[in-house]
Amino acid sequence: MNSIKQWLESIGWGDWSMAVASADASFRSYYRLTKESETYVLMDSSLMIESLPPFVEMNERLSSVDVRVPHIIVKNMKLGYLILEDFGNTHYLDVLNTENYQALYKKAIDEIIKMQRSDTKGLPLYNKDFLRFEMDLMQEWYLEKYLNITLTAEEKNTIDTILESIANVALEQPQGVFVHRDYHSRNIMLTPKGEIGIIDFQDARVGAVTYDLVSLLKDCYIEWDKDEIVKLALYYRDAVGLDVDNATFIKWFDFMGLQRHIKVLGIFARLHLRDGKSGYLKDIPLTLKYVLDVASKYPELSGLVSLLKSV
């Protein structure tokens, strides 16, 4: 923190008070800078400076299609510091309830449609290799390292076959759109002016139309009525003008969700075991529930259900 204060002094911000705002699942930290009634957020990426250029670039891409991302006030790419517009402390997760979630989710879905108009030139692809790489985190970190399961050759083969089929279905849907990759209730803010503000977009890729949709609607931190989630998913399909029947679209949505939630099981376990961030363990039960609920709908995934229920 001393190095941050020295930098603030050097750019004429030394008289601003600084307090911890938050930390995320990565190695970034956030501090709120305050002077009288003005506030800004300082993002400290000094422990992962490589994440800063993508953040700045995605900020520009999203701004260009009128997605509300924080304005960058000051940047030091060498040290890894940004001073950003302050969106406040209110995340979607703080305000969602049974009375308002449909309306708030429709607003967030409208933002997905805007994000999907962003320039994708040069972004890495959400291709089959990457889909598989992410899902493989479950076997390594959740099953083998967290649960200490020694899988048989037959079980490994079952997992491999099922993950391959999940990746194939995920790739059947329209591709080529900007994908935020972590579009959920903790990364959507309600600004003091009542606008939707989007954060944590630096890891964007080019991928499938339902990825951000399922991240939003099947959030690892909060759960809603399944029938209402289907209606909201179809709201997106109709709003974006996809010419596909309900069953096919919901299968795309389901399998994309499986891909994401299988990955997240591995990530939550890895955050605990490797990074010492054990707060995410409490979110494993809901993530696992999503996997089991969806996989149980499709006979070709029964092997995954049996395996996960047996461990």
Protein backbone atom coordinates (compact mmCIF):
# COMPACT_ATOMS: atom_id res chain seq x y z
CA MET A 1 0.00 0.00 0.00
CA ASN A 2 2.97 2.32 0.58
CA SER A 3 3.92 2.11 -3.11
CA ILE A 4 0.36 3.11 -4.04
CA LYS A 5 0.51 6.10 -1.71
CA GLN A 6 3.84 7.14 -3.20
CA TRP A 7 2.36 6.96 -6.70
CA LEU A 8 -0.68 8.98 -5.63
CA GLU A 9 1.63 11.62 -4.18
CA SER A 10 3.59 11.75 -7.43
CA ILE A 11 0.49 12.48 -9.53
CA GLY A 12 -1.03 15.04 -7.19
CA TRP A 13 -3.56 12.76 -5.50
CA GLY A 14 -1.75 12.57 -2.17
CA ASP A 15 -4.50 14.37 -0.27
CA TRP A 16 -7.14 11.75 -1.13
CA SER A 17 -7.97 9.28 1.64
CA MET A 18 -7.75 5.60 0.75
CA ALA A 19 -9.71 2.63 2.09
CA VAL A 20 -10.02 -0.97 0.96
CA ALA A 21 -13.00 -1.36 -1.36
CA SER A 22 -12.84 -5.03 -2.33
CA ALA A 23 -10.74 -7.86 -3.68
CA ASP A 24 -11.79 -10.34 -6.34
CA ALA A 25 -10.98 -13.96 -7.14
CA SER A 26 -7.79 -12.90 -8.92
CA PHE A 27 -4.81 -11.03 -7.56
CA ARG A 28 -6.31 -7.57 -8.11
CA SER A 29 -7.24 -5.29 -5.23
CA TYR A 30 -9.48 -2.23 -5.13
CA TYR A 31 -9.31 0.88 -2.97
CA ARG A 32 -11.78 3.73 -2.69
CA LEU A 33 -10.24 7.19 -2.91
CA THR A 34 -12.24 9.92 -1.19
CA LYS A 35 -11.93 13.70 -0.93
CA GLU A 36 -14.89 15.61 0.46
CA SER A 37 -17.90 14.34 -1.56
CA GLU A 38 -15.90 12.92 -4.47
CA THR A 39 -14.91 9.27 -4.77
CA TYR A 40 -12.96 7.15 -7.24
CA VAL A 41 -11.75 3.55 -7.26
CA LEU A 42 -8.09 2.62 -7.54
CA MET A 43 -7.52 -0.78 -9.13
CA ASP A 44 -4.23 -2.35 -8.10
CA SER A 45 -3.11 -4.92 -10.66
CA SER A 46 0.56 -4.81 -9.65
CA LEU A 47 0.55 -8.54 -8.84
CA MET A 48 -0.80 -9.39 -12.31
CA ILE A 49 0.20 -6.50 -14.53
CA GLU A 50 -0.51 -8.62 -17.60
CA SER A 51 -4.25 -8.25 -16.87
CA LEU A 52 -4.15 -4.48 -17.23
CA PRO A 53 -3.82 -4.02 -21.03
CA PRO A 54 -6.82 -6.34 -21.67
CA PHE A 55 -8.87 -4.43 -19.08
CA VAL A 56 -8.15 -1.11 -20.78
CA GLU A 57 -8.79 -2.55 -24.24
CA MET A 58 -12.08 -4.24 -23.30
CA ASN A 59 -13.15 -1.07 -21.51
CA GLU A 60 -12.71 0.81 -24.79
CA ARG A 61 -14.51 -1.84 -26.86
CA LEU A 62 -17.50 -1.94 -24.54
CA SER A 63 -17.68 1.83 -24.24
CA SER A 64 -17.89 2.05 -28.02
CA VAL A 65 -21.22 0.18 -28.00
CA ASP A 66 -22.64 2.16 -25.07
CA VAL A 67 -22.12 -0.50 -22.42
CA ARG A 68 -21.70 1.29 -19.10
CA VAL A 69 -18.17 0.50 -17.93
CA PRO A 70 -16.14 2.66 -15.52
CA HIS A 71 -14.37 5.62 -17.10
CA ILE A 72 -10.60 5.43 -16.71
CA ILE A 73 -9.41 8.64 -15.04
CA VAL A 74 -5.67 7.91 -14.62
CA LYS A 75 -3.61 4.91 -15.70
CA ASN A 76 -0.09 3.70 -15.06
CA MET A 77 0.45 0.59 -17.14
CA LYS A 78 4.00 0.09 -15.85
CA LEU A 79 3.10 -0.02 -12.16
CA GLY A 80 -0.30 -1.68 -12.72
CA TYR A 81 -2.55 1.05 -11.32
CA LEU A 82 -5.78 2.55 -12.65
CA ILE A 83 -7.98 5.21 -11.12
CA LEU A 84 -11.54 4.52 -12.20
CA GLU A 85 -14.96 6.07 -11.97
CA ASP A 86 -16.70 4.84 -8.81
CA PHE A 87 -19.84 2.81 -9.48
CA GLY A 88 -20.58 2.62 -5.74
CA ASN A 89 -21.10 -0.46 -3.57
CA THR A 90 -24.39 -1.86 -4.85
CA HIS A 91 -24.09 -5.09 -6.81
CA TYR A 92 -27.04 -6.87 -8.41
CA LEU A 93 -26.65 -9.55 -5.76
CA ASP A 94 -27.39 -6.96 -3.07
CA VAL A 95 -30.79 -5.97 -4.45
CA LEU A 96 -32.21 -8.96 -6.34
CA ASN A 97 -35.40 -10.39 -4.86
CA THR A 98 -38.45 -12.35 -5.99
CA GLU A 99 -40.33 -9.16 -6.87
CA ASN A 100 -37.68 -7.48 -9.02
CA TYR A 101 -35.41 -10.12 -10.51
CA GLN A 102 -37.30 -10.56 -13.79
CA ALA A 103 -37.18 -6.83 -14.54
CA LEU A 104 -33.56 -6.47 -13.46
CA TYR A 105 -32.51 -9.52 -15.45
CA LYS A 106 -34.21 -8.22 -18.58
CA LYS A 107 -32.15 -5.03 -18.24
CA ALA A 108 -29.01 -7.12 -17.82
CA ILE A 109 -29.96 -9.25 -20.85
CA ASP A 110 -30.34 -6.07 -22.89
CA GLU A 111 -26.76 -5.24 -21.89
CA ILE A 112 -25.63 -8.67 -23.15
CA ILE A 113 -27.14 -7.85 -26.53
CA LYS A 114 -25.20 -4.57 -26.55
CA MET A 115 -21.97 -6.32 -25.48
CA GLN A 116 -22.41 -8.81 -28.30
CA ARG A 117 -22.16 -5.94 -30.77
CA SER A 118 -18.63 -5.15 -29.54
CA ASP A 119 -15.61 -5.46 -31.77
CA THR A 120 -14.13 -8.95 -31.38
CA LYS A 121 -11.10 -8.51 -33.62
CA GLY A 122 -8.05 -10.19 -32.13
CA LEU A 123 -9.85 -11.71 -29.14
CA PRO A 124 -9.03 -15.33 -28.30
CA LEU A 125 -11.58 -17.91 -29.38
CA TYR A 126 -13.78 -19.98 -27.11
CA ASN A 127 -12.93 -22.99 -29.25
CA LYS A 128 -13.23 -26.66 -28.44
CA ASP A 129 -9.75 -26.92 -26.95
CA PHE A 130 -10.46 -24.09 -24.53
CA LEU A 131 -13.91 -25.43 -23.62
CA ARG A 132 -12.27 -28.74 -22.75
CA PHE A 133 -9.36 -27.14 -20.92
CA GLU A 134 -11.81 -25.32 -18.65
CA MET A 135 -13.96 -28.37 -17.96
CA ASP A 136 -10.89 -30.49 -17.20
CA LEU A 137 -10.34 -28.30 -14.13
CA MET A 138 -13.20 -30.18 -12.44
CA GLN A 139 -11.46 -33.55 -12.58
CA GLU A 140 -8.09 -32.22 -11.44
CA TRP A 141 -9.06 -29.72 -8.79
CA TYR A 142 -12.54 -30.72 -7.58
CA LEU A 143 -12.59 -34.50 -7.83
CA GLU A 144 -8.96 -35.49 -7.41
CA LYS A 145 -7.46 -32.72 -5.26
CA TYR A 146 -10.41 -31.37 -3.27
CA LEU A 147 -12.43 -34.56 -2.78
CA ASN A 148 -9.32 -36.79 -2.89
CA ILE A 149 -10.98 -39.18 -5.33
CA THR A 150 -8.85 -41.71 -7.18
CA LEU A 151 -10.72 -42.20 -10.44
CA THR A 152 -10.67 -45.51 -12.27
CA ALA A 153 -9.76 -45.69 -15.94
CA GLU A 154 -13.44 -46.33 -16.70
CA GLU A 155 -14.54 -43.25 -14.74
CA LYS A 156 -11.95 -41.10 -16.50
CA ASN A 157 -13.20 -42.39 -19.83
CA THR A 158 -16.81 -41.61 -18.85
CA ILE A 159 -15.84 -38.06 -17.91
CA ASP A 160 -13.89 -37.59 -21.13
CA THR A 161 -16.73 -38.83 -23.33
CA ILE A 162 -19.34 -36.66 -21.61
CA LEU A 163 -17.20 -33.51 -21.60
CA GLU A 164 -16.57 -34.03 -25.29
CA SER A 165 -20.31 -34.20 -25.97
CA ILE A 166 -20.94 -31.08 -23.87
CA ALA A 167 -18.32 -29.17 -25.85
CA ASN A 168 -19.83 -30.36 -29.14
CA VAL A 169 -23.33 -29.12 -28.23
CA ALA A 170 -21.94 -25.83 -26.93
CA LEU A 171 -20.37 -25.31 -30.36
CA GLU A 172 -23.59 -26.11 -32.26
CA GLN A 173 -25.06 -22.70 -31.41
CA PRO A 174 -24.16 -19.42 -33.13
CA GLN A 175 -20.64 -18.28 -32.26
CA GLY A 176 -18.51 -15.23 -32.89
CA VAL A 177 -19.88 -12.77 -30.33
CA PHE A 178 -18.12 -10.87 -27.56
CA VAL A 179 -18.26 -12.97 -24.36
CA HIS A 180 -17.69 -11.23 -21.01
CA ARG A 181 -17.04 -14.66 -19.41
CA ASP A 182 -18.04 -13.73 -15.84
CA TYR A 183 -21.34 -11.95 -16.26
CA HIS A 184 -23.12 -12.54 -12.95
CA SER A 185 -24.68 -10.67 -10.04
CA ARG A 186 -21.38 -9.71 -8.43
CA ASN A 187 -20.05 -8.14 -11.61
CA ILE A 188 -23.14 -6.06 -12.41
CA MET A 189 -23.45 -2.85 -10.44
CA LEU A 190 -26.29 -0.42 -9.89
CA THR A 191 -24.64 2.98 -10.04
CA PRO A 192 -25.73 5.88 -7.81
CA LYS A 193 -27.66 7.15 -10.85
CA GLY A 194 -29.53 3.85 -11.17
CA GLU A 195 -27.66 2.69 -14.27
CA ILE A 196 -26.33 -0.82 -14.85
CA GLY A 197 -22.55 -0.78 -14.62
CA ILE A 198 -20.45 -3.71 -15.87
CA ILE A 199 -17.11 -4.69 -14.31
CA ASP A 200 -14.51 -7.51 -14.48
CA PHE A 201 -14.57 -7.85 -18.27
CA GLN A 202 -10.82 -8.12 -18.94
CA ASP A 203 -10.89 -11.86 -19.75
CA ALA A 204 -13.32 -11.52 -22.67
CA ARG A 205 -13.24 -13.98 -25.56
CA VAL A 206 -15.16 -14.65 -28.75
CA GLY A 207 -17.70 -17.38 -28.25
CA ALA A 208 -21.25 -18.65 -28.06
CA VAL A 209 -24.40 -16.55 -27.86
CA THR A 210 -25.64 -18.20 -24.64
CA TYR A 211 -22.47 -18.03 -22.54
CA ASP A 212 -23.07 -14.71 -20.79
CA LEU A 213 -26.80 -15.43 -20.71
CA VAL A 214 -26.40 -18.61 -18.70
CA SER A 215 -23.75 -16.98 -16.48
CA LEU A 216 -26.38 -14.40 -15.58
CA LEU A 217 -29.46 -16.58 -15.26
CA LYS A 218 -27.81 -19.59 -13.60
CA ASP A 219 -25.62 -17.56 -11.28
CA CYS A 220 -23.39 -19.53 -8.91
CA TYR A 221 -24.32 -17.14 -6.09
CA ILE A 222 -28.11 -17.04 -6.34
CA GLU A 223 -30.89 -19.27 -7.71
CA TRP A 224 -34.33 -18.58 -9.19
CA ASP A 225 -37.38 -20.54 -10.32
CA LYS A 226 -36.47 -22.82 -13.24
CA ASP A 227 -39.53 -22.00 -15.32
CA GLU A 228 -38.91 -18.27 -14.98
CA ILE A 229 -35.28 -18.76 -16.01
CA VAL A 230 -36.45 -20.52 -19.18
CA LYS A 231 -38.77 -17.58 -19.94
CA LEU A 232 -35.91 -15.14 -19.48
CA ALA A 233 -33.64 -17.21 -21.70
CA LEU A 234 -36.30 -17.15 -24.42
CA TYR A 235 -36.67 -13.40 -23.89
CA TYR A 236 -33.05 -13.09 -24.98
CA ARG A 237 -33.58 -15.36 -27.99
CA ASP A 238 -36.54 -13.30 -29.16
CA ALA A 239 -34.90 -9.95 -28.44
CA VAL A 240 -31.79 -10.85 -30.42
CA GLY A 241 -33.85 -12.41 -33.22
CA LEU A 242 -32.50 -15.97 -33.25
CA ASP A 243 -34.55 -18.23 -35.50
CA VAL A 244 -34.47 -21.43 -33.47
CA ASP A 245 -37.15 -23.47 -31.69
CA ASN A 246 -37.54 -23.48 -27.91
CA ALA A 247 -36.20 -26.98 -27.31
CA THR A 248 -33.04 -26.46 -29.35
CA PHE A 249 -32.28 -23.09 -27.81
CA ILE A 250 -32.80 -24.35 -24.26
CA LYS A 251 -30.53 -27.31 -24.97
CA TRP A 252 -27.83 -24.89 -26.13
CA PHE A 253 -28.43 -22.85 -22.99
CA ASP A 254 -28.34 -25.94 -20.75
CA PHE A 255 -25.16 -27.38 -22.22
CA MET A 256 -23.39 -24.04 -22.16
CA GLY A 257 -24.35 -23.80 -18.49
CA LEU A 258 -22.98 -27.29 -17.89
CA GLN A 259 -19.68 -26.30 -19.44
CA ARG A 260 -19.47 -23.23 -17.23
CA HIS A 261 -20.56 -24.90 -13.99
CA ILE A 262 -18.28 -27.90 -14.47
CA LYS A 263 -15.40 -25.44 -14.94
CA VAL A 264 -16.46 -23.44 -11.88
CA LEU A 265 -16.40 -26.52 -9.64
CA GLY A 266 -12.73 -26.81 -10.50
CA ILE A 267 -12.08 -23.09 -10.10
CA PHE A 268 -13.74 -22.84 -6.67
CA ALA A 269 -11.72 -25.84 -5.47
CA ARG A 270 -8.53 -24.34 -6.92
CA LEU A 271 -9.17 -20.95 -5.28
CA HIS A 272 -9.38 -22.79 -1.96
CA LEU A 273 -6.47 -25.19 -2.38
CA ARG A 274 -3.98 -23.13 -4.38
CA ASP A 275 -4.84 -19.53 -3.56
CA GLY A 276 -6.10 -19.81 0.02
CA LYS A 277 -9.44 -18.20 -0.91
CA SER A 278 -11.83 -20.53 0.88
CA GLY A 279 -14.87 -18.25 0.77
CA TYR A 280 -15.92 -19.79 -2.51
CA LEU A 281 -16.39 -23.26 -0.99
CA LYS A 282 -19.85 -22.22 0.21
CA ASP A 283 -20.85 -21.71 -3.44
CA ILE A 284 -19.96 -25.25 -4.53
CA PRO A 285 -23.33 -26.81 -3.47
CA LEU A 286 -25.39 -24.54 -5.75
CA THR A 287 -22.92 -24.95 -8.62
CA LEU A 288 -23.09 -28.74 -8.22
CA LYS A 289 -26.88 -28.57 -8.06
CA TYR A 290 -26.98 -26.79 -11.41
CA VAL A 291 -24.80 -29.51 -12.93
CA LEU A 292 -26.90 -32.36 -11.55
CA ASP A 293 -30.25 -30.73 -12.39
CA VAL A 294 -29.32 -30.11 -16.02
CA ALA A 295 -27.42 -33.34 -16.60
CA SER A 296 -30.40 -35.29 -15.23
CA LYS A 297 -32.56 -33.89 -18.07
CA TYR A 298 -30.46 -35.54 -20.79
CA PRO A 299 -30.03 -39.35 -20.93
CA GLU A 300 -26.65 -39.06 -22.65
CA LEU A 301 -25.30 -37.37 -19.51
CA SER A 302 -26.48 -39.99 -17.01
CA GLY A 303 -22.91 -41.19 -16.46
CA LEU A 304 -21.92 -37.79 -15.15
CA VAL A 305 -24.87 -37.73 -12.76
CA SER A 306 -24.02 -41.17 -11.41
CA LEU A 307 -20.38 -40.25 -10.94
CA LEU A 308 -21.00 -36.96 -9.17
CA LYS A 309 -23.65 -38.45 -6.91
CA SER A 310 -21.34 -41.31 -5.91
CA VAL A 311 -18.42 -39.15 -4.70
